[in-house]
C-alpha atoms as a PDB file:
ATOM      1  CA  UNK A   1       2.334 -27.160  14.215  1.00  0.00           C
ATOM      2  CA  UNK A   2       1.422 -26.682  10.539  1.00  0.00           C
ATOM      3  CA  UNK A   3       3.716 -28.259   7.953  1.00  0.00           C
ATOM      4  CA  UNK A   4       3.279 -25.245   5.692  1.00  0.00           C
ATOM      5  CA  UNK A   5       5.977 -22.651   5.242  1.00  0.00           C
ATOM      6  CA  UNK A   6       5.171 -19.510   7.202  1.00  0.00           C
ATOM      7  CA  UNK A   7       5.165 -16.004   5.760  1.00  0.00           C
ATOM      8  CA  UNK A   8       4.845 -12.753   7.657  1.00  0.00           C
ATOM      9  CA  UNK A   9       3.028 -10.364   5.317  1.00  0.00           C
ATOM     10  CA  UNK A  10       3.016  -6.593   5.799  1.00  0.00           C
ATOM     11  CA  UNK A  11      -0.613  -5.703   5.131  1.00  0.00           C
ATOM     12  CA  UNK A  12      -2.041  -2.200   5.098  1.00  0.00           C
ATOM     13  CA  UNK A  13      -5.581  -3.175   4.148  1.00  0.00           C
ATOM     14  CA  UNK A  14      -5.144  -1.873   0.597  1.00  0.00           C
ATOM     15  CA  UNK A  15      -5.650  -3.670  -2.701  1.00  0.00           C
ATOM     16  CA  UNK A  16      -1.987  -4.626  -3.152  1.00  0.00           C
ATOM     17  CA  UNK A  17      -1.249  -6.104   0.258  1.00  0.00           C
ATOM     18  CA  UNK A  18      -4.652  -7.777   0.590  1.00  0.00           C
ATOM     19  CA  UNK A  19      -4.157  -9.468  -2.784  1.00  0.00           C
ATOM     20  CA  UNK A  20      -0.711 -10.514  -1.582  1.00  0.00           C
ATOM     21  CA  UNK A  21      -2.218 -12.152   1.499  1.00  0.00           C
ATOM     22  CA  UNK A  22      -4.710 -14.027  -0.690  1.00  0.00           C
ATOM     23  CA  UNK A  23      -1.895 -15.025  -3.055  1.00  0.00           C
ATOM     24  CA  UNK A  24       0.259 -16.394  -0.252  1.00  0.00           C
ATOM     25  CA  UNK A  25      -2.616 -18.480   1.089  1.00  0.00           C
ATOM     26  CA  UNK A  26      -3.386 -19.696  -2.430  1.00  0.00           C
ATOM     27  CA  UNK A  27       0.265 -20.708  -2.840  1.00  0.00           C
ATOM     28  CA  UNK A  28       0.105 -22.734   0.363  1.00  0.00           C
ATOM     29  CA  UNK A  29       1.714 -20.482   2.947  1.00  0.00           C
ATOM     30  CA  UNK A  30       0.700 -20.218   6.566  1.00  0.00           C
ATOM     31  CA  UNK A  31       0.326 -16.431   6.722  1.00  0.00           C
ATOM     32  CA  UNK A  32       0.598 -14.027   9.635  1.00  0.00           C
ATOM     33  CA  UNK A  33      -0.493 -10.455   8.911  1.00  0.00           C
ATOM     34  CA  UNK A  34       1.393  -7.461  10.260  1.00  0.00           C
ATOM     35  CA  UNK A  35       0.133  -3.869  10.115  1.00  0.00           C
ATOM     36  CA  UNK A  36       1.585  -0.604  11.379  1.00  0.00           C
ATOM     37  CA  UNK A  37      -0.052   2.338  13.098  1.00  0.00           C
ATOM     38  CA  UNK A  38       2.469   5.085  12.409  1.00  0.00           C
ATOM     39  CA  UNK A  39       0.055   7.962  12.945  1.00  0.00           C
ATOM     40  CA  UNK A  40      -1.316   7.878   9.421  1.00  0.00           C
ATOM     41  CA  UNK A  41      -4.078  10.318   8.584  1.00  0.00           C
ATOM     42  CA  UNK A  42      -6.797   7.769   9.321  1.00  0.00           C
ATOM     43  CA  UNK A  43      -7.158   4.244  10.681  1.00  0.00           C
ATOM     44  CA  UNK A  44      -9.623   2.887   8.145  1.00  0.00           C
ATOM     45  CA  UNK A  45      -6.940   0.912   6.357  1.00  0.00           C
ATOM     46  CA  UNK A  46      -6.057  -0.852   9.619  1.00  0.00           C
ATOM     47  CA  UNK A  47      -9.700  -1.748  10.135  1.00  0.00           C
ATOM     48  CA  UNK A  48      -9.837  -3.282   6.655  1.00  0.00           C
ATOM     49  CA  UNK A  49      -6.662  -5.269   7.332  1.00  0.00           C
ATOM     50  CA  UNK A  50      -8.199  -6.565  10.556  1.00  0.00           C
ATOM     51  CA  UNK A  51     -11.367  -7.559   8.682  1.00  0.00           C
ATOM     52  CA  UNK A  52      -9.389  -9.631   6.169  1.00  0.00           C
ATOM     53  CA  UNK A  53      -7.512 -11.354   8.998  1.00  0.00           C
ATOM     54  CA  UNK A  54     -10.795 -12.152  10.739  1.00  0.00           C
ATOM     55  CA  UNK A  55     -12.297 -13.443   7.476  1.00  0.00           C
ATOM     56  CA  UNK A  56      -9.634 -16.152   7.252  1.00  0.00           C
ATOM     57  CA  UNK A  57      -8.821 -16.602  10.926  1.00  0.00           C
ATOM     58  CA  UNK A  58      -5.276 -15.334  10.480  1.00  0.00           C
ATOM     59  CA  UNK A  59      -3.041 -13.942  13.167  1.00  0.00           C
ATOM     60  CA  UNK A  60      -2.939 -10.159  12.819  1.00  0.00           C
ATOM     61  CA  UNK A  61      -0.706  -7.873  14.862  1.00  0.00           C
ATOM     62  CA  UNK A  62      -0.775  -4.071  14.681  1.00  0.00           C
ATOM     63  CA  UNK A  63       2.528  -2.474  15.642  1.00  0.00           C
ATOM     64  CA  UNK A  64       2.036   0.864  17.380  1.00  0.00           C
ATOM     65  CA  UNK A  65       4.483   3.511  16.142  1.00  0.00           C
ATOM     66  CA  UNK A  66       2.317   6.525  16.959  1.00  0.00           C
ATOM     67  CA  UNK A  67       5.075   8.083  19.034  1.00  0.00           C
ATOM     68  CA  UNK A  68       7.057   8.558  15.809  1.00  0.00           C
ATOM     69  CA  UNK A  69       4.248  10.294  13.953  1.00  0.00           C
ATOM     70  CA  UNK A  70       4.977  13.802  15.209  1.00  0.00           C
ATOM     71  CA  UNK A  71       8.581  13.436  14.053  1.00  0.00           C
ATOM     72  CA  UNK A  72       7.541  12.062  10.656  1.00  0.00           C
ATOM     73  CA  UNK A  73       5.194  15.037  10.324  1.00  0.00           C
ATOM     74  CA  UNK A  74       8.123  17.454  10.372  1.00  0.00           C
ATOM     75  CA  UNK A  75       8.958  16.216   6.857  1.00  0.00           C
ATOM     76  CA  UNK A  76       5.755  17.771   5.531  1.00  0.00           C
ATOM     77  CA  UNK A  77       4.162  14.439   4.660  1.00  0.00           C
ATOM     78  CA  UNK A  78       0.449  14.824   4.026  1.00  0.00           C
ATOM     79  CA  UNK A  79      -0.198  11.296   5.305  1.00  0.00           C
ATOM     80  CA  UNK A  80       0.802  12.021   8.894  1.00  0.00           C
ATOM     81  CA  UNK A  81      -0.242  15.638   9.332  1.00  0.00           C
ATOM     82  CA  UNK A  82      -3.350  17.712   9.704  1.00  0.00           C
ATOM     83  CA  UNK A  83      -1.725  21.095  10.231  1.00  0.00           C
ATOM     84  CA  UNK A  84       1.525  22.755   9.143  1.00  0.00           C
ATOM     85  CA  UNK A  85       1.865  24.787  12.330  1.00  0.00           C
ATOM     86  CA  UNK A  86       4.196  23.582  15.057  1.00  0.00           C
ATOM     87  CA  UNK A  87       5.186  22.338  17.481  1.00  0.00           C
ATOM     88  CA  UNK A  88       3.407  19.048  16.883  1.00  0.00           C
ATOM     89  CA  UNK A  89       1.244  17.495  19.569  1.00  0.00           C
ATOM     90  CA  UNK A  90       0.172  13.914  18.862  1.00  0.00           C
ATOM     91  CA  UNK A  91      -3.504  13.460  19.696  1.00  0.00           C
ATOM     92  CA  UNK A  92      -4.907  10.609  21.712  1.00  0.00           C
ATOM     93  CA  UNK A  93      -6.322   8.977  18.572  1.00  0.00           C
ATOM     94  CA  UNK A  94      -3.102   8.960  16.594  1.00  0.00           C
ATOM     95  CA  UNK A  95      -3.146  11.021  13.420  1.00  0.00           C
ATOM     96  CA  UNK A  96      -5.296  13.919  14.628  1.00  0.00           C
ATOM     97  CA  UNK A  97      -3.251  16.744  16.089  1.00  0.00           C
ATOM     98  CA  UNK A  98      -4.366  19.997  17.655  1.00  0.00           C
ATOM     99  CA  UNK A  99      -2.650  23.106  16.426  1.00  0.00           C
ATOM    100  CA  UNK A 100      -1.574  25.125  19.486  1.00  0.00           C
ATOM    101  CA  UNK A 101      -2.121  28.377  17.587  1.00  0.00           C
ATOM    102  CA  UNK A 102      -5.390  27.732  15.812  1.00  0.00           C
ATOM    103  CA  UNK A 103      -6.905  24.851  17.758  1.00  0.00           C
ATOM    104  CA  UNK A 104      -8.021  23.048  14.592  1.00  0.00           C
ATOM    105  CA  UNK A 105      -6.711  21.693  11.320  1.00  0.00           C
ATOM    106  CA  UNK A 106      -7.020  24.997   9.447  1.00  0.00           C
ATOM    107  CA  UNK A 107      -3.485  24.697   8.065  1.00  0.00           C
ATOM    108  CA  UNK A 108      -3.354  20.960   7.482  1.00  0.00           C
ATOM    109  CA  UNK A 109      -1.339  19.596   4.584  1.00  0.00           C
ATOM    110  CA  UNK A 110      -3.947  18.474   2.097  1.00  0.00           C
ATOM    111  CA  UNK A 111      -3.714  15.093   0.389  1.00  0.00           C
ATOM    112  CA  UNK A 112      -2.975  15.897  -3.271  1.00  0.00           C
ATOM    113  CA  UNK A 113      -5.445  15.042  -6.019  1.00  0.00           C
ATOM    114  CA  UNK A 114      -4.687  14.036  -9.583  1.00  0.00           C
ATOM    115  CA  UNK A 115      -2.456  11.555 -11.367  1.00  0.00           C
ATOM    116  CA  UNK A 116      -0.426   9.267  -9.119  1.00  0.00           C
ATOM    117  CA  UNK A 117       2.861   9.958 -10.958  1.00  0.00           C
ATOM    118  CA  UNK A 118       2.746  13.758 -10.663  1.00  0.00           C
ATOM    119  CA  UNK A 119       5.373  15.540  -8.582  1.00  0.00           C
ATOM    120  CA  UNK A 120       2.780  16.821  -6.094  1.00  0.00           C
ATOM    121  CA  UNK A 121       2.242  13.228  -4.953  1.00  0.00           C
ATOM    122  CA  UNK A 122       5.656  13.362  -3.291  1.00  0.00           C
ATOM    123  CA  UNK A 123       3.945  14.983  -0.310  1.00  0.00           C
ATOM    124  CA  UNK A 124       2.582  11.497   0.490  1.00  0.00           C
ATOM    125  CA  UNK A 125       6.078  10.154   1.199  1.00  0.00           C
ATOM    126  CA  UNK A 126       6.643   9.154   4.834  1.00  0.00           C
ATOM    127  CA  UNK A 127      10.423   9.189   5.486  1.00  0.00           C
ATOM    128  CA  UNK A 128      12.054   5.762   5.759  1.00  0.00           C
ATOM    129  CA  UNK A 129       8.686   4.086   6.321  1.00  0.00           C
ATOM    130  CA  UNK A 130       9.432   0.827   4.548  1.00  0.00           C
ATOM    131  CA  UNK A 131      12.861   0.473   6.134  1.00  0.00           C
ATOM    132  CA  UNK A 132      11.286   0.723   9.580  1.00  0.00           C
ATOM    133  CA  UNK A 133       8.458  -1.675   8.739  1.00  0.00           C
ATOM    134  CA  UNK A 134      10.709  -4.238   7.086  1.00  0.00           C
ATOM    135  CA  UNK A 135      13.171  -4.120   9.972  1.00  0.00           C
ATOM    136  CA  UNK A 136      10.472  -4.812  12.550  1.00  0.00           C
ATOM    137  CA  UNK A 137       8.849  -7.455  10.336  1.00  0.00           C
ATOM    138  CA  UNK A 138      12.214  -9.180   9.971  1.00  0.00           C
ATOM    139  CA  UNK A 139      12.632  -9.548  13.726  1.00  0.00           C
ATOM    140  CA  UNK A 140       9.125 -10.962  14.018  1.00  0.00           C
ATOM    141  CA  UNK A 141       9.584 -13.315  11.044  1.00  0.00           C
ATOM    142  CA  UNK A 142      12.822 -14.727  12.433  1.00  0.00           C
ATOM    143  CA  UNK A 143      11.275 -15.140  15.884  1.00  0.00           C
ATOM    144  CA  UNK A 144       8.391 -17.135  14.399  1.00  0.00           C
ATOM    145  CA  UNK A 145      10.530 -19.258  12.086  1.00  0.00           C
ATOM    146  CA  UNK A 146       8.998 -17.731   8.971  1.00  0.00           C
ATOM    147  CA  UNK A 147      10.404 -18.405   5.517  1.00  0.00           C
ATOM    148  CA  UNK A 148       9.974 -14.829   4.312  1.00  0.00           C
ATOM    149  CA  UNK A 149       8.709 -11.329   4.900  1.00  0.00           C
ATOM    150  CA  UNK A 150       6.187 -10.539   2.157  1.00  0.00           C
ATOM    151  CA  UNK A 151       5.460  -7.006   0.946  1.00  0.00           C
ATOM    152  CA  UNK A 152       3.273  -5.663  -1.857  1.00  0.00           C
ATOM    153  CA  UNK A 153       5.414  -3.023  -3.587  1.00  0.00           C
ATOM    154  CA  UNK A 154       4.675  -2.654  -7.308  1.00  0.00           C
ATOM    155  CA  UNK A 155       6.026  -0.811 -10.346  1.00  0.00           C
ATOM    156  CA  UNK A 156       3.544   2.046  -9.983  1.00  0.00           C
ATOM    157  CA  UNK A 157       5.190   2.961  -6.668  1.00  0.00           C
ATOM    158  CA  UNK A 158       8.654   3.404  -8.148  1.00  0.00           C
ATOM    159  CA  UNK A 159       8.278   6.963  -9.426  1.00  0.00           C
ATOM    160  CA  UNK A 160       7.250   8.548  -6.119  1.00  0.00           C
ATOM    161  CA  UNK A 161       8.506   6.167  -3.422  1.00  0.00           C
ATOM    162  CA  UNK A 162      12.250   5.352  -3.390  1.00  0.00           C
ATOM    163  CA  UNK A 163      11.743   2.699  -0.705  1.00  0.00           C
ATOM    164  CA  UNK A 164       9.544   0.669  -3.058  1.00  0.00           C
ATOM    165  CA  UNK A 165      12.171   0.307  -5.791  1.00  0.00           C
ATOM    166  CA  UNK A 166      13.992  -2.973  -6.533  1.00  0.00           C
ATOM    167  CA  UNK A 167      17.408  -1.498  -5.721  1.00  0.00           C
ATOM    168  CA  UNK A 168      16.195  -0.594  -2.222  1.00  0.00           C
ATOM    169  CA  UNK A 169      14.748  -4.061  -1.617  1.00  0.00           C
ATOM    170  CA  UNK A 170      17.960  -5.680  -2.877  1.00  0.00           C
ATOM    171  CA  UNK A 171      20.072  -3.710  -0.420  1.00  0.00           C
ATOM    172  CA  UNK A 172      17.741  -4.403   2.512  1.00  0.00           C
ATOM    173  CA  UNK A 173      17.766  -8.098   1.610  1.00  0.00           C
ATOM    174  CA  UNK A 174      21.563  -8.082   1.792  1.00  0.00           C
ATOM    175  CA  UNK A 175      21.534  -6.249   5.136  1.00  0.00           C
ATOM    176  CA  UNK A 176      19.073  -8.735   6.634  1.00  0.00           C
ATOM    177  CA  UNK A 177      21.161 -11.693   5.524  1.00  0.00           C
ATOM    178  CA  UNK A 178      24.342 -10.176   6.936  1.00  0.00           C
ATOM    179  CA  UNK A 179      22.693  -9.228  10.225  1.00  0.00           C
ATOM    180  CA  UNK A 180      20.820 -12.497  10.758  1.00  0.00           C
ATOM    181  CA  UNK A 181      22.980 -15.503   9.980  1.00  0.00           C
ATOM    182  CA  UNK A 182      21.080 -18.654   9.174  1.00  0.00           C
ATOM    183  CA  UNK A 183      17.759 -16.942   8.463  1.00  0.00           C
ATOM    184  CA  UNK A 184      15.760 -19.538   6.526  1.00  0.00           C
ATOM    185  CA  UNK A 185      14.499 -17.390   3.692  1.00  0.00           C
ATOM    186  CA  UNK A 186      12.453 -17.595   0.514  1.00  0.00           C
ATOM    187  CA  UNK A 187      14.679 -18.741  -2.371  1.00  0.00           C
ATOM    188  CA  UNK A 188      17.663 -17.220  -0.610  1.00  0.00           C
ATOM    189  CA  UNK A 189      16.069 -13.804  -0.086  1.00  0.00           C
ATOM    190  CA  UNK A 190      14.292 -12.733   3.111  1.00  0.00           C
ATOM    191  CA  UNK A 191      11.925 -10.214   1.490  1.00  0.00           C
ATOM    192  CA  UNK A 192       9.390 -11.634  -0.971  1.00  0.00           C
ATOM    193  CA  UNK A 193       8.020  -8.937  -3.304  1.00  0.00           C
ATOM    194  CA  UNK A 194       6.236 -10.820  -6.112  1.00  0.00           C
ATOM    195  CA  UNK A 195       4.571  -7.700  -7.512  1.00  0.00           C
ATOM    196  CA  UNK A 196       7.570  -5.378  -7.599  1.00  0.00           C
ATOM    197  CA  UNK A 197       7.681  -5.340 -11.428  1.00  0.00           C
ATOM    198  CA  UNK A 198       3.893  -5.503 -11.870  1.00  0.00           C
ATOM    199  CA  UNK A 199       1.529  -2.646 -12.619  1.00  0.00           C
ATOM    200  CA  UNK A 200      -1.401  -1.850 -10.358  1.00  0.00           C
ATOM    201  CA  UNK A 201      -3.638  -3.279 -13.094  1.00  0.00           C
ATOM    202  CA  UNK A 202      -1.668  -6.535 -12.901  1.00  0.00           C
ATOM    203  CA  UNK A 203      -2.439  -6.719  -9.195  1.00  0.00           C
ATOM    204  CA  UNK A 204      -6.115  -5.939  -9.768  1.00  0.00           C
ATOM    205  CA  UNK A 205      -6.178  -8.680 -12.406  1.00  0.00           C
ATOM    206  CA  UNK A 206      -4.623 -11.118  -9.933  1.00  0.00           C
ATOM    207  CA  UNK A 207      -7.147 -10.019  -7.304  1.00  0.00           C
ATOM    208  CA  UNK A 208      -9.940 -10.940  -9.708  1.00  0.00           C
ATOM    209  CA  UNK A 209      -8.344 -14.318 -10.382  1.00  0.00           C
ATOM    210  CA  UNK A 210      -8.139 -15.010  -6.653  1.00  0.00           C
ATOM    211  CA  UNK A 211     -11.631 -13.743  -5.848  1.00  0.00           C
ATOM    212  CA  UNK A 212     -10.468 -10.896  -3.632  1.00  0.00           C
ATOM    213  CA  UNK A 213     -13.513  -8.834  -2.567  1.00  0.00           C
ATOM    214  CA  UNK A 214     -12.398  -5.433  -3.848  1.00  0.00           C
ATOM    215  CA  UNK A 215     -14.808  -3.570  -1.585  1.00  0.00           C
ATOM    216  CA  UNK A 216     -13.060  -5.130   1.425  1.00  0.00           C
ATOM    217  CA  UNK A 217      -9.843  -3.268   0.600  1.00  0.00           C
ATOM    218  CA  UNK A 218      -9.136   0.376   1.415  1.00  0.00           C
ATOM    219  CA  UNK A 219      -6.857   2.575  -0.703  1.00  0.00           C
ATOM    220  CA  UNK A 220      -7.967   6.192  -0.219  1.00  0.00           C
ATOM    221  CA  UNK A 221      -5.517   8.504   1.544  1.00  0.00           C
ATOM    222  CA  UNK A 222      -8.270  10.820   2.791  1.00  0.00           C
ATOM    223  CA  UNK A 223     -10.124   8.330   4.973  1.00  0.00           C
ATOM    224  CA  UNK A 224     -13.672   9.611   4.507  1.00  0.00           C
ATOM    225  CA  UNK A 225     -16.810   7.516   4.699  1.00  0.00           C
ATOM    226  CA  UNK A 226     -16.207   6.399   1.089  1.00  0.00           C
ATOM    227  CA  UNK A 227     -13.174   6.384  -1.195  1.00  0.00           C
ATOM    228  CA  UNK A 228     -12.851   9.964  -2.429  1.00  0.00           C
ATOM    229  CA  UNK A 229     -12.074   8.932  -6.011  1.00  0.00           C
ATOM    230  CA  UNK A 230      -9.806  11.951  -6.480  1.00  0.00           C
ATOM    231  CA  UNK A 231      -6.558  11.428  -4.543  1.00  0.00           C
ATOM    232  CA  UNK A 232      -3.639   9.839  -6.377  1.00  0.00           C
ATOM    233  CA  UNK A 233      -4.181   6.395  -4.936  1.00  0.00           C
ATOM    234  CA  UNK A 234      -7.909   6.434  -5.741  1.00  0.00           C
ATOM    235  CA  UNK A 235      -7.163   7.469  -9.324  1.00  0.00           C
ATOM    236  CA  UNK A 236      -4.607   4.678  -9.622  1.00  0.00           C
ATOM    237  CA  UNK A 237      -7.015   2.162  -8.091  1.00  0.00           C
ATOM    238  CA  UNK A 238      -9.935   3.054 -10.340  1.00  0.00           C
ATOM    239  CA  UNK A 239      -7.808   2.980 -13.488  1.00  0.00           C
ATOM    240  CA  UNK A 240      -6.260  -0.361 -12.480  1.00  0.00           C
ATOM    241  CA  UNK A 241      -9.573  -2.058 -11.714  1.00  0.00           C
ATOM    242  CA  UNK A 242     -11.101  -0.770 -14.964  1.00  0.00           C
ATOM    243  CA  UNK A 243      -8.097  -1.926 -17.022  1.00  0.00           C
ATOM    244  CA  UNK A 244      -7.917  -5.309 -15.293  1.00  0.00           C
ATOM    245  CA  UNK A 245     -11.644  -5.862 -15.714  1.00  0.00           C
ATOM    246  CA  UNK A 246     -11.444  -5.088 -19.435  1.00  0.00           C
ATOM    247  CA  UNK A 247      -8.711  -7.685 -19.938  1.00  0.00           C
ATOM    248  CA  UNK A 248     -10.356 -10.153 -17.579  1.00  0.00           C
ATOM    249  CA  UNK A 249     -13.549  -9.963 -19.643  1.00  0.00           C
ATOM    250  CA  UNK A 250     -11.563 -10.360 -22.866  1.00  0.00           C
ATOM    251  CA  UNK A 251     -10.578 -13.815 -21.633  1.00  0.00           C
ATOM    252  CA  UNK A 252     -14.247 -14.756 -21.597  1.00  0.00           C
ATOM    253  CA  UNK A 253     -14.481 -14.625 -17.821  1.00  0.00           C
ATOM    254  CA  UNK A 254     -17.193 -12.983 -15.759  1.00  0.00           C
ATOM    255  CA  UNK A 255     -15.841  -9.612 -14.603  1.00  0.00           C
ATOM    256  CA  UNK A 256     -16.013  -9.416 -10.793  1.00  0.00           C
ATOM    257  CA  UNK A 257     -17.829  -6.237  -9.763  1.00  0.00           C
ATOM    258  CA  UNK A 258     -16.106  -3.500  -7.816  1.00  0.00           C
ATOM    259  CA  UNK A 259     -18.615  -2.821  -5.059  1.00  0.00           C
ATOM    260  CA  UNK A 260     -16.416  -0.145  -3.508  1.00  0.00           C
ATOM    261  CA  UNK A 261     -18.235   3.130  -2.803  1.00  0.00           C
ATOM    262  CA  UNK A 262     -16.564   6.189  -4.366  1.00  0.00           C
ATOM    263  CA  UNK A 263     -17.596   9.808  -3.876  1.00  0.00           C
ATOM    264  CA  UNK A 264     -16.393  10.507  -7.412  1.00  0.00           C
ATOM    265  CA  UNK A 265     -15.884   7.674  -9.897  1.00  0.00           C
ATOM    266  CA  UNK A 266     -15.510   9.853 -13.002  1.00  0.00           C
ATOM    267  CA  UNK A 267     -12.638  12.180 -12.083  1.00  0.00           C
ATOM    268  CA  UNK A 268     -10.006   9.484 -12.725  1.00  0.00           C
ATOM    269  CA  UNK A 269     -10.985   9.330 -16.408  1.00  0.00           C
ATOM    270  CA  UNK A 270     -10.286  13.048 -16.825  1.00  0.00           C
ATOM    271  CA  UNK A 271      -6.939  12.753 -15.050  1.00  0.00           C
ATOM    272  CA  UNK A 272      -5.797   9.753 -17.095  1.00  0.00           C
ATOM    273  CA  UNK A 273      -6.900  11.346 -20.377  1.00  0.00           C
ATOM    274  CA  UNK A 274      -4.980  14.516 -19.507  1.00  0.00           C
ATOM    275  CA  UNK A 275      -1.862  12.518 -18.616  1.00  0.00           C
ATOM    276  CA  UNK A 276      -1.995  10.519 -21.837  1.00  0.00           C
ATOM    277  CA  UNK A 277      -2.438  13.716 -23.865  1.00  0.00           C
ATOM    278  CA  UNK A 278       0.618  15.238 -22.175  1.00  0.00           C
ATOM    279  CA  UNK A 279       2.636  12.082 -22.858  1.00  0.00           C
ATOM    280  CA  UNK A 280       1.538  12.068 -26.499  1.00  0.00           C
ATOM    281  CA  UNK A 281       2.550  15.716 -26.889  1.00  0.00           C
ATOM    282  CA  UNK A 282       5.945  14.906 -25.346  1.00  0.00           C
ATOM    283  CA  UNK A 283       6.361  11.971 -27.713  1.00  0.00           C
ATOM    284  CA  UNK A 284       6.357   9.407 -24.922  1.00  0.00           C
ATOM    285  CA  UNK A 285       5.145   5.952 -25.984  1.00  0.00           C
ATOM    286  CA  UNK A 286       2.335   4.280 -24.088  1.00  0.00           C
ATOM    287  CA  UNK A 287       3.261   0.976 -22.433  1.00  0.00           C
ATOM    288  CA  UNK A 288       1.296  -0.466 -19.549  1.00  0.00           C
ATOM    289  CA  UNK A 289       4.162  -2.931 -18.793  1.00  0.00           C
ATOM    290  CA  UNK A 290       1.639  -5.638 -18.003  1.00  0.00           C
ATOM    291  CA  UNK A 291       2.955  -8.978 -16.793  1.00  0.00           C
ATOM    292  CA  UNK A 292      -0.344 -10.890 -16.761  1.00  0.00           C
ATOM    293  CA  UNK A 293      -2.264 -10.014 -19.909  1.00  0.00           C
END
């Protein structure tokens, strides 16, 4: 058995969690990857998570929660629905559902486009998702004698997703410790969230430091052949990689290329410029809250 401390990392296949997996390995952890199929709109992110696990020969388990997806969909979340008509009938392939009235996805809830901090992005919330994932990951981590459950929440998530905020993680940490006496944890806390006060650009910067292949991560909520470049998470990703690359180059380092294919890699600039103009008009100061540069 390895003498390294073990970490169970919740990995979606996106930039944040993939960088986290790289970071844990770089720090010296023996890492198991854990992903969840909760009936999300597409499975591409799970395929990317599996590819990273294969790249390093890591154990990777996908927890099947598809039976919950039809119930999550009643919340109106755009990430687990393709149609607003009911009742919901989970399809054989997970996220795709046939509408009993129309027979197609004519009335699906569209993934919103634009800035990632706009109110319309709240339609991407999946109720209690992180509580469910962290609870299951905790049981697995304890069973395997892991030192921590690692998750990639960051500061950019705080506005839209309540279950990514520090106060939520603090309370879940306390609940885990109370419910699992003697859990050998990381610095006294079961959940390790090293990026929780970082910006997305901070994470992209760290990814460049660690040599994470950006094109081997999947962020887009739409799940097309390429990243759409227009949904909130694509806009956030493109801005973060651009900002991180600019600062990375300022240090005299070679800027790692982003070989990700985007259907639209210009729209994000318009969205960010519009947001900054609105903030300027409202008298809001600009602060990227960077931790790394």
